[in-house]
């Protein structure tokens, strides 16, 4: 059979690296140690692989998942073989942590090493009634794969305050403690608002990654 489908760029990646991009929109992970991944992101696998629901691990995490909109639904992937992950044709980026931490929007998490720790944290200045202003912090030494809609931009927050729509913020340095800025004024509210009332504000040594897409804010306590 002849087809440009069988071009080299479409064939399975042969890599000695455990974490490798099959292409810009698909991740290939070689198993050995387990991997935690967002439920529903497996698209193919080879070998003897098992998938299990990953428990929150503590009552504190479970309570945060119930009380917030940061619904981190993870599965544990174990066994021997290769697993391919993707989510709605988003672009995959690998981040190799070396005793560091990163705060990630749960909707942008694709997979990460089981050795990494994770927890749900409230953004500074965001009350429970604000809705959606919670992120998942992942830390330690290991690899994290994030899934980004469109091509992202990485903004340096060290020189001046950086304002970002919460639904477009993918992730940021865990050492940054973003505040919440409300730009709504009475005149704008009376005219129906601008749709850009609340932003994260970052200022300090670190970065924030912004995608070319805004997630729809989940309803409170969804």
C-alpha atoms as a PDB file:
ATOM      1  CA  UNK A   1       0.000   0.000   0.000  1.00  0.00           C
ATOM      2  CA  UNK A   2       1.257   3.481  -0.828  1.00  0.00           C
ATOM      3  CA  UNK A   3       0.172   6.651   0.973  1.00  0.00           C
ATOM      4  CA  UNK A   4       1.725   9.808   2.373  1.00  0.00           C
ATOM      5  CA  UNK A   5       0.135   8.639   5.638  1.00  0.00           C
ATOM      6  CA  UNK A   6       3.189   6.393   6.016  1.00  0.00           C
ATOM      7  CA  UNK A   7       5.630   9.293   5.860  1.00  0.00           C
ATOM      8  CA  UNK A   8       8.384   9.182   8.465  1.00  0.00           C
ATOM      9  CA  UNK A   9       6.857  11.957  10.566  1.00  0.00           C
ATOM     10  CA  UNK A  10       3.723   9.826  11.143  1.00  0.00           C
ATOM     11  CA  UNK A  11       5.517   6.649  12.207  1.00  0.00           C
ATOM     12  CA  UNK A  12       5.953   5.744  15.853  1.00  0.00           C
ATOM     13  CA  UNK A  13       8.790   7.647  17.512  1.00  0.00           C
ATOM     14  CA  UNK A  14      11.775   5.477  18.427  1.00  0.00           C
ATOM     15  CA  UNK A  15      13.313   7.177  21.433  1.00  0.00           C
ATOM     16  CA  UNK A  16      15.412   6.184  24.418  1.00  0.00           C
ATOM     17  CA  UNK A  17      13.702   8.920  26.404  1.00  0.00           C
ATOM     18  CA  UNK A  18      10.881   7.800  28.677  1.00  0.00           C
ATOM     19  CA  UNK A  19       8.863  10.930  27.864  1.00  0.00           C
ATOM     20  CA  UNK A  20       8.832  11.914  24.185  1.00  0.00           C
ATOM     21  CA  UNK A  21       6.573  13.796  21.813  1.00  0.00           C
ATOM     22  CA  UNK A  22       5.140  11.544  19.139  1.00  0.00           C
ATOM     23  CA  UNK A  23       4.200  14.776  17.394  1.00  0.00           C
ATOM     24  CA  UNK A  24       3.301  18.268  18.656  1.00  0.00           C
ATOM     25  CA  UNK A  25      -0.157  17.061  19.722  1.00  0.00           C
ATOM     26  CA  UNK A  26       0.558  13.592  21.081  1.00  0.00           C
ATOM     27  CA  UNK A  27       2.698  12.324  23.950  1.00  0.00           C
ATOM     28  CA  UNK A  28       4.415   8.944  24.146  1.00  0.00           C
ATOM     29  CA  UNK A  29       5.473   7.609  27.563  1.00  0.00           C
ATOM     30  CA  UNK A  30       7.467   4.443  28.175  1.00  0.00           C
ATOM     31  CA  UNK A  31       6.244   2.721  31.314  1.00  0.00           C
ATOM     32  CA  UNK A  32       8.333   1.332  34.156  1.00  0.00           C
ATOM     33  CA  UNK A  33       7.471   3.653  37.020  1.00  0.00           C
ATOM     34  CA  UNK A  34       3.761   4.516  37.063  1.00  0.00           C
ATOM     35  CA  UNK A  35       2.350   7.648  35.434  1.00  0.00           C
ATOM     36  CA  UNK A  36      -0.584   9.758  36.617  1.00  0.00           C
ATOM     37  CA  UNK A  37      -2.693  11.139  33.771  1.00  0.00           C
ATOM     38  CA  UNK A  38      -5.949  12.999  33.338  1.00  0.00           C
ATOM     39  CA  UNK A  39      -8.788  10.535  32.847  1.00  0.00           C
ATOM     40  CA  UNK A  40      -9.777   9.959  29.238  1.00  0.00           C
ATOM     41  CA  UNK A  41      -6.491  11.139  27.686  1.00  0.00           C
ATOM     42  CA  UNK A  42      -5.141   7.722  26.646  1.00  0.00           C
ATOM     43  CA  UNK A  43      -5.492   7.296  22.883  1.00  0.00           C
ATOM     44  CA  UNK A  44      -3.412   4.122  22.354  1.00  0.00           C
ATOM     45  CA  UNK A  45      -0.989   1.787  24.081  1.00  0.00           C
ATOM     46  CA  UNK A  46       1.285  -1.179  23.384  1.00  0.00           C
ATOM     47  CA  UNK A  47       2.205  -3.892  25.872  1.00  0.00           C
ATOM     48  CA  UNK A  48       0.718  -4.925  29.197  1.00  0.00           C
ATOM     49  CA  UNK A  49      -0.831  -1.768  30.647  1.00  0.00           C
ATOM     50  CA  UNK A  50      -3.405  -1.216  33.399  1.00  0.00           C
ATOM     51  CA  UNK A  51      -5.498   1.847  34.177  1.00  0.00           C
ATOM     52  CA  UNK A  52      -6.931   2.567  37.618  1.00  0.00           C
ATOM     53  CA  UNK A  53      -8.745   5.465  39.235  1.00  0.00           C
ATOM     54  CA  UNK A  54      -6.261   7.471  41.316  1.00  0.00           C
ATOM     55  CA  UNK A  55      -7.564   8.306  44.757  1.00  0.00           C
ATOM     56  CA  UNK A  56      -6.972  11.786  46.120  1.00  0.00           C
ATOM     57  CA  UNK A  57      -4.722  10.336  48.792  1.00  0.00           C
ATOM     58  CA  UNK A  58      -6.025  12.406  51.692  1.00  0.00           C
ATOM     59  CA  UNK A  59      -9.270  13.727  53.091  1.00  0.00           C
ATOM     60  CA  UNK A  60      -7.901  17.249  52.615  1.00  0.00           C
ATOM     61  CA  UNK A  61      -7.493  16.800  48.856  1.00  0.00           C
ATOM     62  CA  UNK A  62     -10.899  15.156  48.576  1.00  0.00           C
ATOM     63  CA  UNK A  63     -12.549  18.038  50.439  1.00  0.00           C
ATOM     64  CA  UNK A  64     -10.851  20.574  48.164  1.00  0.00           C
ATOM     65  CA  UNK A  65     -12.062  18.731  45.058  1.00  0.00           C
ATOM     66  CA  UNK A  66     -15.613  18.774  46.407  1.00  0.00           C
ATOM     67  CA  UNK A  67     -15.583  22.424  47.504  1.00  0.00           C
ATOM     68  CA  UNK A  68     -13.772  23.915  44.505  1.00  0.00           C
ATOM     69  CA  UNK A  69     -14.110  23.798  40.733  1.00  0.00           C
ATOM     70  CA  UNK A  70     -10.573  22.429  40.347  1.00  0.00           C
ATOM     71  CA  UNK A  71     -11.724  18.943  39.419  1.00  0.00           C
ATOM     72  CA  UNK A  72      -8.493  16.966  39.149  1.00  0.00           C
ATOM     73  CA  UNK A  73      -9.633  13.590  37.782  1.00  0.00           C
ATOM     74  CA  UNK A  74      -6.563  11.371  37.552  1.00  0.00           C
ATOM     75  CA  UNK A  75      -5.904   7.781  36.576  1.00  0.00           C
ATOM     76  CA  UNK A  76      -2.843   5.700  37.448  1.00  0.00           C
ATOM     77  CA  UNK A  77      -1.189   4.051  34.437  1.00  0.00           C
ATOM     78  CA  UNK A  78       1.060   1.088  35.239  1.00  0.00           C
ATOM     79  CA  UNK A  79       2.630  -1.952  33.604  1.00  0.00           C
ATOM     80  CA  UNK A  80       5.137  -2.442  30.813  1.00  0.00           C
ATOM     81  CA  UNK A  81       4.893  -0.861  27.377  1.00  0.00           C
ATOM     82  CA  UNK A  82       4.245   2.476  25.728  1.00  0.00           C
ATOM     83  CA  UNK A  83       1.189   4.686  26.220  1.00  0.00           C
ATOM     84  CA  UNK A  84       0.093   7.525  23.955  1.00  0.00           C
ATOM     85  CA  UNK A  85      -1.778  10.504  25.420  1.00  0.00           C
ATOM     86  CA  UNK A  86      -3.621  13.402  23.762  1.00  0.00           C
ATOM     87  CA  UNK A  87      -6.531  15.712  24.548  1.00  0.00           C
ATOM     88  CA  UNK A  88      -8.661  17.419  21.876  1.00  0.00           C
ATOM     89  CA  UNK A  89      -5.634  17.934  19.587  1.00  0.00           C
ATOM     90  CA  UNK A  90      -4.064  20.371  22.046  1.00  0.00           C
ATOM     91  CA  UNK A  91      -0.326  21.066  21.841  1.00  0.00           C
ATOM     92  CA  UNK A  92       1.783  19.073  24.306  1.00  0.00           C
ATOM     93  CA  UNK A  93       4.736  20.586  26.161  1.00  0.00           C
ATOM     94  CA  UNK A  94       7.072  18.771  28.546  1.00  0.00           C
ATOM     95  CA  UNK A  95       8.377  20.388  31.710  1.00  0.00           C
ATOM     96  CA  UNK A  96      11.188  18.670  33.630  1.00  0.00           C
ATOM     97  CA  UNK A  97      11.097  19.692  37.290  1.00  0.00           C
ATOM     98  CA  UNK A  98      14.247  19.488  39.406  1.00  0.00           C
ATOM     99  CA  UNK A  99      13.110  19.962  42.971  1.00  0.00           C
ATOM    100  CA  UNK A 100      10.784  22.731  41.782  1.00  0.00           C
ATOM    101  CA  UNK A 101       7.074  23.404  41.705  1.00  0.00           C
ATOM    102  CA  UNK A 102       4.574  24.662  39.172  1.00  0.00           C
ATOM    103  CA  UNK A 103       0.945  25.723  39.502  1.00  0.00           C
ATOM    104  CA  UNK A 104      -1.225  24.373  36.670  1.00  0.00           C
ATOM    105  CA  UNK A 105      -4.830  24.832  35.607  1.00  0.00           C
ATOM    106  CA  UNK A 106      -6.265  21.307  35.979  1.00  0.00           C
ATOM    107  CA  UNK A 107      -7.756  21.504  32.476  1.00  0.00           C
ATOM    108  CA  UNK A 108      -4.225  21.809  31.080  1.00  0.00           C
ATOM    109  CA  UNK A 109      -2.775  18.778  32.891  1.00  0.00           C
ATOM    110  CA  UNK A 110      -2.070  15.819  30.609  1.00  0.00           C
ATOM    111  CA  UNK A 111       0.226  13.537  32.655  1.00  0.00           C
ATOM    112  CA  UNK A 112       3.055  13.548  35.192  1.00  0.00           C
ATOM    113  CA  UNK A 113       5.454  11.240  37.018  1.00  0.00           C
ATOM    114  CA  UNK A 114       3.992   9.430  40.024  1.00  0.00           C
ATOM    115  CA  UNK A 115       6.928  10.619  42.166  1.00  0.00           C
ATOM    116  CA  UNK A 116       5.728  14.204  41.928  1.00  0.00           C
ATOM    117  CA  UNK A 117       3.446  15.523  44.647  1.00  0.00           C
ATOM    118  CA  UNK A 118       0.263  17.455  43.887  1.00  0.00           C
ATOM    119  CA  UNK A 119      -2.345  19.466  45.756  1.00  0.00           C
ATOM    120  CA  UNK A 120      -5.131  21.968  45.118  1.00  0.00           C
ATOM    121  CA  UNK A 121      -4.503  25.556  46.201  1.00  0.00           C
ATOM    122  CA  UNK A 122      -6.639  28.689  46.264  1.00  0.00           C
ATOM    123  CA  UNK A 123      -5.330  31.756  44.495  1.00  0.00           C
ATOM    124  CA  UNK A 124      -4.440  34.550  46.909  1.00  0.00           C
ATOM    125  CA  UNK A 125      -7.275  37.048  47.208  1.00  0.00           C
ATOM    126  CA  UNK A 126      -9.859  34.791  45.559  1.00  0.00           C
ATOM    127  CA  UNK A 127     -12.767  34.027  47.882  1.00  0.00           C
ATOM    128  CA  UNK A 128     -14.825  30.866  47.679  1.00  0.00           C
ATOM    129  CA  UNK A 129     -17.627  32.742  45.919  1.00  0.00           C
ATOM    130  CA  UNK A 130     -15.365  33.935  43.084  1.00  0.00           C
ATOM    131  CA  UNK A 131     -15.501  30.541  41.390  1.00  0.00           C
ATOM    132  CA  UNK A 132     -12.780  28.854  39.361  1.00  0.00           C
ATOM    133  CA  UNK A 133      -9.762  30.564  40.961  1.00  0.00           C
ATOM    134  CA  UNK A 134      -8.082  27.392  42.174  1.00  0.00           C
ATOM    135  CA  UNK A 135      -5.052  25.691  40.674  1.00  0.00           C
ATOM    136  CA  UNK A 136      -3.218  22.406  41.050  1.00  0.00           C
ATOM    137  CA  UNK A 137       0.347  22.648  42.350  1.00  0.00           C
ATOM    138  CA  UNK A 138       2.752  19.911  41.220  1.00  0.00           C
ATOM    139  CA  UNK A 139       6.223  19.699  42.715  1.00  0.00           C
ATOM    140  CA  UNK A 140       9.362  17.626  43.171  1.00  0.00           C
ATOM    141  CA  UNK A 141      11.660  16.000  40.640  1.00  0.00           C
ATOM    142  CA  UNK A 142      10.129  14.507  37.522  1.00  0.00           C
ATOM    143  CA  UNK A 143       8.327  15.311  34.284  1.00  0.00           C
ATOM    144  CA  UNK A 144       4.994  17.052  33.733  1.00  0.00           C
ATOM    145  CA  UNK A 145       3.192  17.142  30.380  1.00  0.00           C
ATOM    146  CA  UNK A 146       0.797  20.016  29.838  1.00  0.00           C
ATOM    147  CA  UNK A 147      -1.817  20.321  27.107  1.00  0.00           C
ATOM    148  CA  UNK A 148      -2.211  23.806  25.615  1.00  0.00           C
ATOM    149  CA  UNK A 149      -4.868  25.120  23.231  1.00  0.00           C
ATOM    150  CA  UNK A 150      -3.035  26.852  20.393  1.00  0.00           C
ATOM    151  CA  UNK A 151       0.474  28.274  20.609  1.00  0.00           C
ATOM    152  CA  UNK A 152       1.260  29.648  24.089  1.00  0.00           C
ATOM    153  CA  UNK A 153       3.234  32.672  25.171  1.00  0.00           C
ATOM    154  CA  UNK A 154       5.582  32.670  28.187  1.00  0.00           C
ATOM    155  CA  UNK A 155       5.565  36.001  30.021  1.00  0.00           C
ATOM    156  CA  UNK A 156       8.334  37.190  32.348  1.00  0.00           C
ATOM    157  CA  UNK A 157       6.731  38.594  35.499  1.00  0.00           C
ATOM    158  CA  UNK A 158       9.916  39.924  37.118  1.00  0.00           C
ATOM    159  CA  UNK A 159      10.048  43.355  35.485  1.00  0.00           C
ATOM    160  CA  UNK A 160       6.512  44.645  35.871  1.00  0.00           C
ATOM    161  CA  UNK A 161       3.039  43.475  36.959  1.00  0.00           C
ATOM    162  CA  UNK A 162       1.527  41.002  34.495  1.00  0.00           C
ATOM    163  CA  UNK A 163      -2.265  40.660  34.247  1.00  0.00           C
ATOM    164  CA  UNK A 164      -3.748  37.446  32.837  1.00  0.00           C
ATOM    165  CA  UNK A 165      -7.290  36.205  32.301  1.00  0.00           C
ATOM    166  CA  UNK A 166      -7.765  33.275  34.741  1.00  0.00           C
ATOM    167  CA  UNK A 167      -9.317  31.122  32.009  1.00  0.00           C
ATOM    168  CA  UNK A 168      -6.307  31.637  29.703  1.00  0.00           C
ATOM    169  CA  UNK A 169      -3.595  31.061  32.324  1.00  0.00           C
ATOM    170  CA  UNK A 170      -2.066  27.615  31.768  1.00  0.00           C
ATOM    171  CA  UNK A 171       0.570  27.510  34.507  1.00  0.00           C
ATOM    172  CA  UNK A 172       3.057  29.623  36.441  1.00  0.00           C
ATOM    173  CA  UNK A 173       6.098  29.337  38.690  1.00  0.00           C
ATOM    174  CA  UNK A 174       5.022  27.969  42.065  1.00  0.00           C
ATOM    175  CA  UNK A 175       7.102  30.616  43.839  1.00  0.00           C
ATOM    176  CA  UNK A 176       4.804  33.298  42.421  1.00  0.00           C
ATOM    177  CA  UNK A 177       1.783  34.187  44.536  1.00  0.00           C
ATOM    178  CA  UNK A 178      -0.709  35.812  42.156  1.00  0.00           C
ATOM    179  CA  UNK A 179      -3.329  38.163  43.407  1.00  0.00           C
ATOM    180  CA  UNK A 180      -6.735  38.840  41.906  1.00  0.00           C
ATOM    181  CA  UNK A 181      -7.421  42.170  40.217  1.00  0.00           C
ATOM    182  CA  UNK A 182     -10.986  43.370  39.648  1.00  0.00           C
ATOM    183  CA  UNK A 183     -11.105  45.935  36.845  1.00  0.00           C
ATOM    184  CA  UNK A 184     -14.889  46.310  36.860  1.00  0.00           C
ATOM    185  CA  UNK A 185     -16.234  49.793  37.571  1.00  0.00           C
ATOM    186  CA  UNK A 186     -19.774  50.967  38.170  1.00  0.00           C
ATOM    187  CA  UNK A 187     -20.105  52.646  34.768  1.00  0.00           C
ATOM    188  CA  UNK A 188     -18.951  49.555  32.913  1.00  0.00           C
ATOM    189  CA  UNK A 189     -21.223  47.304  34.977  1.00  0.00           C
ATOM    190  CA  UNK A 190     -24.271  49.430  34.135  1.00  0.00           C
ATOM    191  CA  UNK A 191     -23.451  49.057  30.435  1.00  0.00           C
ATOM    192  CA  UNK A 192     -23.213  45.273  30.615  1.00  0.00           C
ATOM    193  CA  UNK A 193     -19.513  45.010  31.464  1.00  0.00           C
ATOM    194  CA  UNK A 194     -16.541  44.240  29.240  1.00  0.00           C
ATOM    195  CA  UNK A 195     -16.339  40.515  29.950  1.00  0.00           C
ATOM    196  CA  UNK A 196     -12.838  41.091  31.355  1.00  0.00           C
ATOM    197  CA  UNK A 197     -13.654  41.969  34.956  1.00  0.00           C
ATOM    198  CA  UNK A 198     -11.235  39.719  36.858  1.00  0.00           C
ATOM    199  CA  UNK A 199      -7.574  38.997  36.157  1.00  0.00           C
ATOM    200  CA  UNK A 200      -4.711  37.264  37.900  1.00  0.00           C
ATOM    201  CA  UNK A 201      -1.885  39.681  38.650  1.00  0.00           C
ATOM    202  CA  UNK A 202       1.686  38.341  38.825  1.00  0.00           C
ATOM    203  CA  UNK A 203       4.765  40.264  39.906  1.00  0.00           C
ATOM    204  CA  UNK A 204       8.073  38.731  40.913  1.00  0.00           C
ATOM    205  CA  UNK A 205      10.822  36.399  39.680  1.00  0.00           C
ATOM    206  CA  UNK A 206       9.088  33.783  37.591  1.00  0.00           C
ATOM    207  CA  UNK A 207       6.922  33.197  34.537  1.00  0.00           C
ATOM    208  CA  UNK A 208       3.325  32.593  33.529  1.00  0.00           C
ATOM    209  CA  UNK A 209       2.232  30.607  30.467  1.00  0.00           C
ATOM    210  CA  UNK A 210      -0.834  31.910  28.600  1.00  0.00           C
ATOM    211  CA  UNK A 211      -2.736  30.011  25.905  1.00  0.00           C
ATOM    212  CA  UNK A 212      -4.574  31.409  22.883  1.00  0.00           C
ATOM    213  CA  UNK A 213      -7.923  30.313  24.288  1.00  0.00           C
ATOM    214  CA  UNK A 214     -10.127  31.009  27.316  1.00  0.00           C
ATOM    215  CA  UNK A 215     -11.798  28.092  29.051  1.00  0.00           C
ATOM    216  CA  UNK A 216     -15.427  28.624  29.951  1.00  0.00           C
ATOM    217  CA  UNK A 217     -15.588  29.364  33.683  1.00  0.00           C
ATOM    218  CA  UNK A 218     -17.141  26.385  35.488  1.00  0.00           C
ATOM    219  CA  UNK A 219     -20.209  27.096  37.637  1.00  0.00           C
ATOM    220  CA  UNK A 220     -19.530  27.445  41.374  1.00  0.00           C
ATOM    221  CA  UNK A 221     -19.231  24.086  43.175  1.00  0.00           C
ATOM    222  CA  UNK A 222     -19.468  22.242  39.850  1.00  0.00           C
END
